[in-house]
Amino acid sequence: MAKRKQKPNFWDRGNPPARYDIAVLRPKNLAKGKRFETIKDSNQESLRSEQSLPFAKLNRSTLRDYLQECRDGAYHCYQTFCPRCARTFRRWFISELLRTTEDQKSVHMATVLLEAAPSDKIDALDPNRYKARLRKDLQEAGLGDSPVVGGFEMIYRARDRQWILHINLVIVGATEKALTKFQESYDDSAIDRPVVKVPVKDRAEQLSYVLKFTTYHRPYKQTGSGKSQAMSLNAREHHALVKWMSRFEFQDMMLSYGRKLVTG
């Protein structure tokens, strides 16, 4: 069975101050997709994920065990694929983004598509391999004095049968020249439109999407500014993604540059 954690992680030691708490800023009375996920939402997603995973052989701890036992309150599993624990981590992480960007006039988000892999090669993708390069690219672009916080995510492109590892970066106080230079450092990428940058105008809404731990995909093209409908992954891809996520700690999925996050 899954091993019980004996001590809370640094990001699981109480709620953030209200002005930085995304659960207060995007409260539960809003529609799903507008509100920060509630505990009920997380439990429903946990159950859906568990039911999409295969059973393991007898007497073996499984990914399903973590989800069920954490959902039942036996312990906090602290697994990245657990919606309950991901909710707690995201609540802390978003509060740090809100704190970092408070009273800042220039805040941008840049999404960087880092690497693609075929549907059966997801394990070839590792966020830790890109942290040094990202810091180097930020430095060389003239962003050495800009606080940058980012979150790695995985998306699935069903039409191409590809996984795409990417990172969402929140960049504070950058000039347009430096942002453009950073964007140009990925011009040799084999991925179409590898860097997309936008200004942050609604901090609570936009920053809440910087780091997610979802197991769905958007199989249809985006039309205009609207996103296509999110749909659950097929069982095979769902299992592959959950197994991939289980290799990493929550801390592996974030990048901090020029700004120390509160870790205790």
C-alpha atoms as a PDB file:
ATOM      1  CA  MET A   1       0.000   0.000   0.000  1.00  0.00           C
ATOM      2  CA  ALA A   2       1.033   3.624  -0.334  1.00  0.00           C
ATOM      3  CA  LYS A   3       3.319   4.915   2.391  1.00  0.00           C
ATOM      4  CA  ARG A   4       1.942   7.574   4.721  1.00  0.00           C
ATOM      5  CA  LYS A   5       3.803  10.881   4.835  1.00  0.00           C
ATOM      6  CA  GLN A   6       4.932  11.738   8.366  1.00  0.00           C
ATOM      7  CA  LYS A   7       5.449  15.487   7.955  1.00  0.00           C
ATOM      8  CA  PRO A   8       3.566  18.103   5.889  1.00  0.00           C
ATOM      9  CA  ASN A   9       5.438  19.578   2.933  1.00  0.00           C
ATOM     10  CA  PHE A  10       6.350  23.271   3.064  1.00  0.00           C
ATOM     11  CA  TRP A  11       3.469  24.101   0.733  1.00  0.00           C
ATOM     12  CA  ASP A  12       0.955  22.258   2.932  1.00  0.00           C
ATOM     13  CA  ARG A  13       1.137  24.259   6.148  1.00  0.00           C
ATOM     14  CA  GLY A  14      -2.009  26.361   6.116  1.00  0.00           C
ATOM     15  CA  ASN A  15      -3.949  28.643   3.822  1.00  0.00           C
ATOM     16  CA  PRO A  16      -2.376  31.690   2.129  1.00  0.00           C
ATOM     17  CA  PRO A  17      -3.334  35.236   3.185  1.00  0.00           C
ATOM     18  CA  ALA A  18      -6.733  36.102   1.735  1.00  0.00           C
ATOM     19  CA  ARG A  19      -5.396  38.673  -0.737  1.00  0.00           C
ATOM     20  CA  TYR A  20      -3.169  35.992  -2.280  1.00  0.00           C
ATOM     21  CA  ASP A  21      -5.582  33.060  -1.903  1.00  0.00           C
ATOM     22  CA  ILE A  22      -6.951  31.973  -5.280  1.00  0.00           C
ATOM     23  CA  ALA A  23      -9.718  30.021  -3.497  1.00  0.00           C
ATOM     24  CA  VAL A  24     -10.945  33.395  -2.153  1.00  0.00           C
ATOM     25  CA  LEU A  25     -10.315  35.372  -5.354  1.00  0.00           C
ATOM     26  CA  ARG A  26     -12.053  32.766  -7.544  1.00  0.00           C
ATOM     27  CA  PRO A  27     -14.595  31.411  -5.033  1.00  0.00           C
ATOM     28  CA  LYS A  28     -16.651  28.233  -5.144  1.00  0.00           C
ATOM     29  CA  ASN A  29     -19.893  30.040  -6.048  1.00  0.00           C
ATOM     30  CA  LEU A  30     -18.498  30.728  -9.551  1.00  0.00           C
ATOM     31  CA  ALA A  31     -19.179  28.324 -12.410  1.00  0.00           C
ATOM     32  CA  LYS A  32     -16.831  25.422 -12.969  1.00  0.00           C
ATOM     33  CA  GLY A  33     -13.999  26.657 -15.189  1.00  0.00           C
ATOM     34  CA  LYS A  34     -14.193  30.079 -13.552  1.00  0.00           C
ATOM     35  CA  ARG A  35     -13.748  29.069  -9.915  1.00  0.00           C
ATOM     36  CA  PHE A  36     -10.648  27.593  -8.354  1.00  0.00           C
ATOM     37  CA  GLU A  37     -11.289  23.891  -8.046  1.00  0.00           C
ATOM     38  CA  THR A  38     -13.091  22.969  -4.859  1.00  0.00           C
ATOM     39  CA  ILE A  39     -12.357  19.910  -2.708  1.00  0.00           C
ATOM     40  CA  LYS A  40     -15.490  18.357  -4.200  1.00  0.00           C
ATOM     41  CA  ASP A  41     -14.183  19.066  -7.707  1.00  0.00           C
ATOM     42  CA  SER A  42     -10.848  17.476  -6.780  1.00  0.00           C
ATOM     43  CA  ASN A  43     -12.537  14.403  -5.313  1.00  0.00           C
ATOM     44  CA  GLN A  44     -14.606  13.937  -8.457  1.00  0.00           C
ATOM     45  CA  GLU A  45     -11.505  14.244 -10.635  1.00  0.00           C
ATOM     46  CA  SER A  46      -9.621  11.831  -8.377  1.00  0.00           C
ATOM     47  CA  LEU A  47     -12.369   9.236  -8.708  1.00  0.00           C
ATOM     48  CA  ARG A  48     -12.533   9.697 -12.480  1.00  0.00           C
ATOM     49  CA  SER A  49      -8.777   9.250 -12.742  1.00  0.00           C
ATOM     50  CA  GLU A  50      -8.813   6.177 -10.521  1.00  0.00           C
ATOM     51  CA  GLN A  51     -11.526   4.562 -12.620  1.00  0.00           C
ATOM     52  CA  SER A  52      -9.488   5.214 -15.779  1.00  0.00           C
ATOM     53  CA  LEU A  53      -6.413   3.408 -14.431  1.00  0.00           C
ATOM     54  CA  PRO A  54      -5.824  -0.339 -14.768  1.00  0.00           C
ATOM     55  CA  PHE A  55      -5.658  -2.702 -11.806  1.00  0.00           C
ATOM     56  CA  ALA A  56      -2.200  -3.962 -10.888  1.00  0.00           C
ATOM     57  CA  LYS A  57      -1.220  -7.522 -10.019  1.00  0.00           C
ATOM     58  CA  LEU A  58      -2.130  -8.922  -6.611  1.00  0.00           C
ATOM     59  CA  ASN A  59      -0.150  -7.628  -3.597  1.00  0.00           C
ATOM     60  CA  ARG A  60       1.279  -4.642  -5.485  1.00  0.00           C
ATOM     61  CA  SER A  61       0.758  -1.025  -4.520  1.00  0.00           C
ATOM     62  CA  THR A  62      -0.868   0.818  -7.410  1.00  0.00           C
ATOM     63  CA  LEU A  63      -1.435   4.333  -8.627  1.00  0.00           C
ATOM     64  CA  ARG A  64      -5.092   3.730  -7.800  1.00  0.00           C
ATOM     65  CA  ASP A  65      -4.188   3.156  -4.131  1.00  0.00           C
ATOM     66  CA  TYR A  66      -2.746   6.644  -3.769  1.00  0.00           C
ATOM     67  CA  LEU A  67      -5.847   8.268  -5.218  1.00  0.00           C
ATOM     68  CA  GLN A  68      -8.335   6.262  -3.193  1.00  0.00           C
ATOM     69  CA  GLU A  69      -6.514   6.435   0.138  1.00  0.00           C
ATOM     70  CA  CYS A  70      -5.739  10.151  -0.173  1.00  0.00           C
ATOM     71  CA  ARG A  71      -9.347  10.832  -1.134  1.00  0.00           C
ATOM     72  CA  ASP A  72     -10.547   8.782   1.860  1.00  0.00           C
ATOM     73  CA  GLY A  73      -8.368  10.876   4.186  1.00  0.00           C
ATOM     74  CA  ALA A  74      -5.940   8.130   5.190  1.00  0.00           C
ATOM     75  CA  TYR A  75      -2.999  10.474   4.521  1.00  0.00           C
ATOM     76  CA  HIS A  76      -1.763  13.128   2.097  1.00  0.00           C
ATOM     77  CA  CYS A  77      -0.045  11.200  -0.682  1.00  0.00           C
ATOM     78  CA  TYR A  78       1.733  14.264  -2.179  1.00  0.00           C
ATOM     79  CA  GLN A  79       1.657  12.673  -5.623  1.00  0.00           C
ATOM     80  CA  THR A  80       1.594  15.058  -8.593  1.00  0.00           C
ATOM     81  CA  PHE A  81      -1.177  13.032 -10.244  1.00  0.00           C
ATOM     82  CA  CYS A  82      -3.429  13.335  -7.169  1.00  0.00           C
ATOM     83  CA  PRO A  83      -6.022  16.098  -7.735  1.00  0.00           C
ATOM     84  CA  ARG A  84      -6.437  16.689  -3.994  1.00  0.00           C
ATOM     85  CA  CYS A  85      -2.727  17.223  -3.356  1.00  0.00           C
ATOM     86  CA  ALA A  86      -2.337  19.136  -6.620  1.00  0.00           C
ATOM     87  CA  ARG A  87      -5.061  21.508  -5.448  1.00  0.00           C
ATOM     88  CA  THR A  88      -3.154  22.208  -2.216  1.00  0.00           C
ATOM     89  CA  PHE A  89       0.118  22.737  -4.057  1.00  0.00           C
ATOM     90  CA  ARG A  90      -1.483  24.979  -6.698  1.00  0.00           C
ATOM     91  CA  ARG A  91      -3.134  27.084  -4.012  1.00  0.00           C
ATOM     92  CA  TRP A  92       0.291  27.750  -2.474  1.00  0.00           C
ATOM     93  CA  PHE A  93       2.015  28.196  -5.861  1.00  0.00           C
ATOM     94  CA  ILE A  94      -0.559  30.676  -7.176  1.00  0.00           C
ATOM     95  CA  SER A  95      -0.317  32.640  -3.928  1.00  0.00           C
ATOM     96  CA  GLU A  96       3.421  32.987  -4.556  1.00  0.00           C
ATOM     97  CA  LEU A  97       2.748  34.231  -8.092  1.00  0.00           C
ATOM     98  CA  LEU A  98       0.257  36.775  -6.782  1.00  0.00           C
ATOM     99  CA  ARG A  99       2.735  37.917  -4.141  1.00  0.00           C
ATOM    100  CA  THR A 100       5.589  38.179  -6.662  1.00  0.00           C
ATOM    101  CA  THR A 101       3.550  40.223  -9.146  1.00  0.00           C
ATOM    102  CA  GLU A 102       1.805  42.485  -6.638  1.00  0.00           C
ATOM    103  CA  ASP A 103       2.009  46.202  -7.569  1.00  0.00           C
ATOM    104  CA  GLN A 104       4.138  45.409 -10.645  1.00  0.00           C
ATOM    105  CA  LYS A 105       3.349  47.412 -13.781  1.00  0.00           C
ATOM    106  CA  SER A 106       4.902  45.043 -16.295  1.00  0.00           C
ATOM    107  CA  VAL A 107       3.981  41.346 -16.005  1.00  0.00           C
ATOM    108  CA  HIS A 108       3.992  38.951 -18.957  1.00  0.00           C
ATOM    109  CA  MET A 109       3.318  35.276 -19.467  1.00  0.00           C
ATOM    110  CA  ALA A 110       5.388  33.313 -21.973  1.00  0.00           C
ATOM    111  CA  THR A 111       4.502  29.750 -22.942  1.00  0.00           C
ATOM    112  CA  VAL A 112       7.512  27.838 -24.269  1.00  0.00           C
ATOM    113  CA  LEU A 113       6.983  24.538 -26.104  1.00  0.00           C
ATOM    114  CA  LEU A 114      10.140  22.642 -25.180  1.00  0.00           C
ATOM    115  CA  GLU A 115      10.023  19.189 -26.726  1.00  0.00           C
ATOM    116  CA  ALA A 116       7.679  16.759 -28.471  1.00  0.00           C
ATOM    117  CA  ALA A 117       7.612  12.985 -28.214  1.00  0.00           C
ATOM    118  CA  PRO A 118       5.496  10.258 -29.857  1.00  0.00           C
ATOM    119  CA  SER A 119       2.562   8.926 -27.856  1.00  0.00           C
ATOM    120  CA  ASP A 120       4.550   5.869 -26.700  1.00  0.00           C
ATOM    121  CA  LYS A 121       7.677   7.859 -25.722  1.00  0.00           C
ATOM    122  CA  ILE A 122       6.398  10.168 -22.981  1.00  0.00           C
ATOM    123  CA  ASP A 123       9.113   8.950 -20.593  1.00  0.00           C
ATOM    124  CA  ALA A 124      11.738  10.614 -22.803  1.00  0.00           C
ATOM    125  CA  LEU A 125      10.494  14.016 -21.623  1.00  0.00           C
ATOM    126  CA  ASP A 126      11.982  15.387 -18.402  1.00  0.00           C
ATOM    127  CA  PRO A 127      11.387  18.943 -17.121  1.00  0.00           C
ATOM    128  CA  ASN A 128      14.555  18.892 -14.999  1.00  0.00           C
ATOM    129  CA  ARG A 129      16.626  18.680 -18.182  1.00  0.00           C
ATOM    130  CA  TYR A 130      15.434  22.142 -19.278  1.00  0.00           C
ATOM    131  CA  LYS A 131      15.887  24.223 -16.138  1.00  0.00           C
ATOM    132  CA  ALA A 132      19.529  25.149 -16.795  1.00  0.00           C
ATOM    133  CA  ARG A 133      18.822  26.074 -20.414  1.00  0.00           C
ATOM    134  CA  LEU A 134      15.824  28.222 -19.509  1.00  0.00           C
ATOM    135  CA  ARG A 135      17.836  30.140 -16.914  1.00  0.00           C
ATOM    136  CA  LYS A 136      20.646  30.628 -19.443  1.00  0.00           C
ATOM    137  CA  ASP A 137      18.236  31.870 -22.125  1.00  0.00           C
ATOM    138  CA  LEU A 138      16.617  34.286 -19.668  1.00  0.00           C
ATOM    139  CA  GLN A 139      20.032  35.617 -18.652  1.00  0.00           C
ATOM    140  CA  GLU A 140      21.252  36.055 -22.226  1.00  0.00           C
ATOM    141  CA  ALA A 141      18.034  37.820 -23.221  1.00  0.00           C
ATOM    142  CA  GLY A 142      18.719  40.501 -20.609  1.00  0.00           C
ATOM    143  CA  LEU A 143      16.204  39.199 -18.083  1.00  0.00           C
ATOM    144  CA  GLY A 144      18.756  38.583 -15.356  1.00  0.00           C
ATOM    145  CA  ASP A 145      17.172  41.186 -13.089  1.00  0.00           C
ATOM    146  CA  SER A 146      13.585  40.093 -13.764  1.00  0.00           C
ATOM    147  CA  PRO A 147      11.865  37.742 -11.306  1.00  0.00           C
ATOM    148  CA  VAL A 148      10.590  34.735 -13.264  1.00  0.00           C
ATOM    149  CA  VAL A 149       8.420  31.904 -11.956  1.00  0.00           C
ATOM    150  CA  GLY A 150       7.217  29.071 -14.143  1.00  0.00           C
ATOM    151  CA  GLY A 151       5.400  25.763 -14.197  1.00  0.00           C
ATOM    152  CA  PHE A 152       6.030  22.759 -16.444  1.00  0.00           C
ATOM    153  CA  GLU A 153       3.065  20.984 -18.003  1.00  0.00           C
ATOM    154  CA  MET A 154       2.392  18.149 -20.410  1.00  0.00           C
ATOM    155  CA  ILE A 155      -0.217  18.305 -23.152  1.00  0.00           C
ATOM    156  CA  TYR A 156      -1.345  15.671 -25.625  1.00  0.00           C
ATOM    157  CA  ARG A 157      -2.016  16.418 -29.289  1.00  0.00           C
ATOM    158  CA  ALA A 158      -4.269  13.601 -30.415  1.00  0.00           C
ATOM    159  CA  ARG A 159      -4.171  14.508 -34.110  1.00  0.00           C
ATOM    160  CA  ASP A 160      -0.375  14.212 -34.146  1.00  0.00           C
ATOM    161  CA  ARG A 161      -0.277  11.496 -31.460  1.00  0.00           C
ATOM    162  CA  GLN A 162       2.328  13.549 -29.635  1.00  0.00           C
ATOM    163  CA  TRP A 163       3.104  14.656 -26.113  1.00  0.00           C
ATOM    164  CA  ILE A 164       4.374  18.220 -25.769  1.00  0.00           C
ATOM    165  CA  LEU A 165       6.350  19.290 -22.713  1.00  0.00           C
ATOM    166  CA  HIS A 166       6.017  23.028 -22.163  1.00  0.00           C
ATOM    167  CA  ILE A 167       6.464  25.652 -19.493  1.00  0.00           C
ATOM    168  CA  ASN A 168       4.398  28.714 -18.616  1.00  0.00           C
ATOM    169  CA  LEU A 169       6.665  31.521 -17.408  1.00  0.00           C
ATOM    170  CA  VAL A 170       5.547  34.590 -15.463  1.00  0.00           C
ATOM    171  CA  ILE A 171       8.087  37.351 -16.143  1.00  0.00           C
ATOM    172  CA  VAL A 172       8.090  40.538 -14.054  1.00  0.00           C
ATOM    173  CA  GLY A 173       9.479  43.902 -15.134  1.00  0.00           C
ATOM    174  CA  ALA A 174      10.805  42.836 -18.545  1.00  0.00           C
ATOM    175  CA  THR A 175      11.286  45.198 -21.466  1.00  0.00           C
ATOM    176  CA  GLU A 176       9.750  44.365 -24.828  1.00  0.00           C
ATOM    177  CA  LYS A 177      13.249  44.126 -26.292  1.00  0.00           C
ATOM    178  CA  ALA A 178      14.293  41.492 -23.752  1.00  0.00           C
ATOM    179  CA  LEU A 179      11.073  39.513 -24.227  1.00  0.00           C
ATOM    180  CA  THR A 180      11.566  39.503 -27.984  1.00  0.00           C
ATOM    181  CA  LYS A 181      15.171  38.364 -27.615  1.00  0.00           C
ATOM    182  CA  PHE A 182      14.082  35.534 -25.338  1.00  0.00           C
ATOM    183  CA  GLN A 183      11.426  34.527 -27.853  1.00  0.00           C
ATOM    184  CA  GLU A 184      13.982  34.557 -30.677  1.00  0.00           C
ATOM    185  CA  SER A 185      16.249  32.149 -28.782  1.00  0.00           C
ATOM    186  CA  TYR A 186      13.777  29.391 -29.743  1.00  0.00           C
ATOM    187  CA  ASP A 187      13.573  30.247 -33.442  1.00  0.00           C
ATOM    188  CA  ASP A 188      15.445  27.043 -34.309  1.00  0.00           C
ATOM    189  CA  SER A 189      12.813  24.854 -32.636  1.00  0.00           C
ATOM    190  CA  ALA A 190      11.195  22.103 -34.715  1.00  0.00           C
ATOM    191  CA  ILE A 191       7.875  22.877 -33.011  1.00  0.00           C
ATOM    192  CA  ASP A 192       5.573  25.406 -34.656  1.00  0.00           C
ATOM    193  CA  ARG A 193       5.215  28.675 -32.688  1.00  0.00           C
ATOM    194  CA  PRO A 194       7.437  27.529 -29.822  1.00  0.00           C
ATOM    195  CA  VAL A 195       7.016  30.730 -27.760  1.00  0.00           C
ATOM    196  CA  VAL A 196       3.818  32.711 -27.240  1.00  0.00           C
ATOM    197  CA  LYS A 197       3.838  35.731 -24.919  1.00  0.00           C
ATOM    198  CA  VAL A 198       0.947  37.827 -23.614  1.00  0.00           C
ATOM    199  CA  PRO A 199       0.648  40.606 -21.011  1.00  0.00           C
ATOM    200  CA  VAL A 200      -0.967  39.742 -17.702  1.00  0.00           C
ATOM    201  CA  LYS A 201      -4.058  41.917 -17.288  1.00  0.00           C
ATOM    202  CA  ASP A 202      -6.191  39.840 -14.932  1.00  0.00           C
ATOM    203  CA  ARG A 203      -3.748  38.388 -12.410  1.00  0.00           C
ATOM    204  CA  ALA A 204      -6.144  36.098 -10.556  1.00  0.00           C
ATOM    205  CA  GLU A 205      -7.497  34.538 -13.738  1.00  0.00           C
ATOM    206  CA  GLN A 206      -4.326  34.277 -15.798  1.00  0.00           C
ATOM    207  CA  LEU A 207      -1.963  33.244 -13.012  1.00  0.00           C
ATOM    208  CA  SER A 208      -4.320  30.456 -11.951  1.00  0.00           C
ATOM    209  CA  TYR A 209      -3.496  28.710 -15.240  1.00  0.00           C
ATOM    210  CA  VAL A 210       0.296  28.826 -14.944  1.00  0.00           C
ATOM    211  CA  LEU A 211       0.623  25.332 -13.487  1.00  0.00           C
ATOM    212  CA  LYS A 212      -2.004  22.596 -13.735  1.00  0.00           C
ATOM    213  CA  PHE A 213      -1.927  18.842 -13.236  1.00  0.00           C
ATOM    214  CA  THR A 214      -4.705  17.794 -15.567  1.00  0.00           C
ATOM    215  CA  THR A 215      -5.349  14.561 -17.458  1.00  0.00           C
ATOM    216  CA  TYR A 216      -7.451  15.853 -20.316  1.00  0.00           C
ATOM    217  CA  HIS A 217      -6.712  17.216 -23.777  1.00  0.00           C
ATOM    218  CA  ARG A 218      -8.266  19.551 -26.327  1.00  0.00           C
ATOM    219  CA  PRO A 219      -8.603  17.542 -29.562  1.00  0.00           C
ATOM    220  CA  TYR A 220     -10.008  20.375 -31.680  1.00  0.00           C
ATOM    221  CA  LYS A 221      -8.326  23.522 -32.910  1.00  0.00           C
ATOM    222  CA  GLN A 222      -8.730  26.756 -31.008  1.00  0.00           C
ATOM    223  CA  THR A 223     -11.078  29.198 -32.715  1.00  0.00           C
ATOM    224  CA  GLY A 224     -10.312  32.848 -32.150  1.00  0.00           C
ATOM    225  CA  SER A 225      -9.672  33.606 -28.491  1.00  0.00           C
ATOM    226  CA  GLY A 226     -11.781  30.693 -27.271  1.00  0.00           C
ATOM    227  CA  LYS A 227     -10.381  27.311 -26.294  1.00  0.00           C
ATOM    228  CA  SER A 228     -11.750  24.092 -27.704  1.00  0.00           C
ATOM    229  CA  GLN A 229     -13.613  21.722 -25.420  1.00  0.00           C
ATOM    230  CA  ALA A 230     -11.519  19.752 -22.947  1.00  0.00           C
ATOM    231  CA  MET A 231     -12.008  15.996 -23.135  1.00  0.00           C
ATOM    232  CA  SER A 232     -10.720  13.076 -21.084  1.00  0.00           C
ATOM    233  CA  LEU A 233      -7.752  11.197 -22.479  1.00  0.00           C
ATOM    234  CA  ASN A 234      -8.203   7.665 -23.695  1.00  0.00           C
ATOM    235  CA  ALA A 235      -7.359   5.054 -21.034  1.00  0.00           C
ATOM    236  CA  ARG A 236      -3.958   4.253 -22.555  1.00  0.00           C
ATOM    237  CA  GLU A 237      -2.804   7.872 -22.716  1.00  0.00           C
ATOM    238  CA  HIS A 238      -4.317   8.595 -19.307  1.00  0.00           C
ATOM    239  CA  HIS A 239      -2.338   5.757 -17.742  1.00  0.00           C
ATOM    240  CA  ALA A 240       0.858   6.857 -19.519  1.00  0.00           C
ATOM    241  CA  LEU A 241       0.467  10.434 -18.290  1.00  0.00           C
ATOM    242  CA  VAL A 242      -0.276   9.445 -14.686  1.00  0.00           C
ATOM    243  CA  LYS A 243       2.734   7.110 -14.642  1.00  0.00           C
ATOM    244  CA  TRP A 244       4.901   9.920 -16.050  1.00  0.00           C
ATOM    245  CA  MET A 245       3.639  12.364 -13.423  1.00  0.00           C
ATOM    246  CA  SER A 246       4.367   9.844 -10.664  1.00  0.00           C
ATOM    247  CA  ARG A 247       8.098  10.106 -11.459  1.00  0.00           C
ATOM    248  CA  PHE A 248       8.253  13.710 -10.243  1.00  0.00           C
ATOM    249  CA  GLU A 249       7.781  15.722  -7.068  1.00  0.00           C
ATOM    250  CA  PHE A 250       5.729  18.912  -7.165  1.00  0.00           C
ATOM    251  CA  GLN A 251       8.945  20.937  -6.823  1.00  0.00           C
ATOM    252  CA  ASP A 252      10.260  19.357 -10.043  1.00  0.00           C
ATOM    253  CA  MET A 253       7.412  20.965 -11.952  1.00  0.00           C
ATOM    254  CA  MET A 254       8.254  24.566 -11.084  1.00  0.00           C
ATOM    255  CA  LEU A 255      11.033  26.960 -12.049  1.00  0.00           C
ATOM    256  CA  SER A 256      12.107  29.967  -9.996  1.00  0.00           C
ATOM    257  CA  TYR A 257      14.624  32.485 -11.320  1.00  0.00           C
ATOM    258  CA  GLY A 258      15.664  35.701  -9.643  1.00  0.00           C
ATOM    259  CA  ARG A 259      12.985  35.343  -7.012  1.00  0.00           C
ATOM    260  CA  LYS A 260      13.008  33.131  -3.913  1.00  0.00           C
ATOM    261  CA  LEU A 261       9.648  31.541  -3.211  1.00  0.00           C
ATOM    262  CA  VAL A 262       8.513  31.061   0.370  1.00  0.00           C
ATOM    263  CA  THR A 263       9.425  27.485   1.294  1.00  0.00           C
ATOM    264  CA  GLY A 264       9.069  27.491   5.020  1.00  0.00           C
END
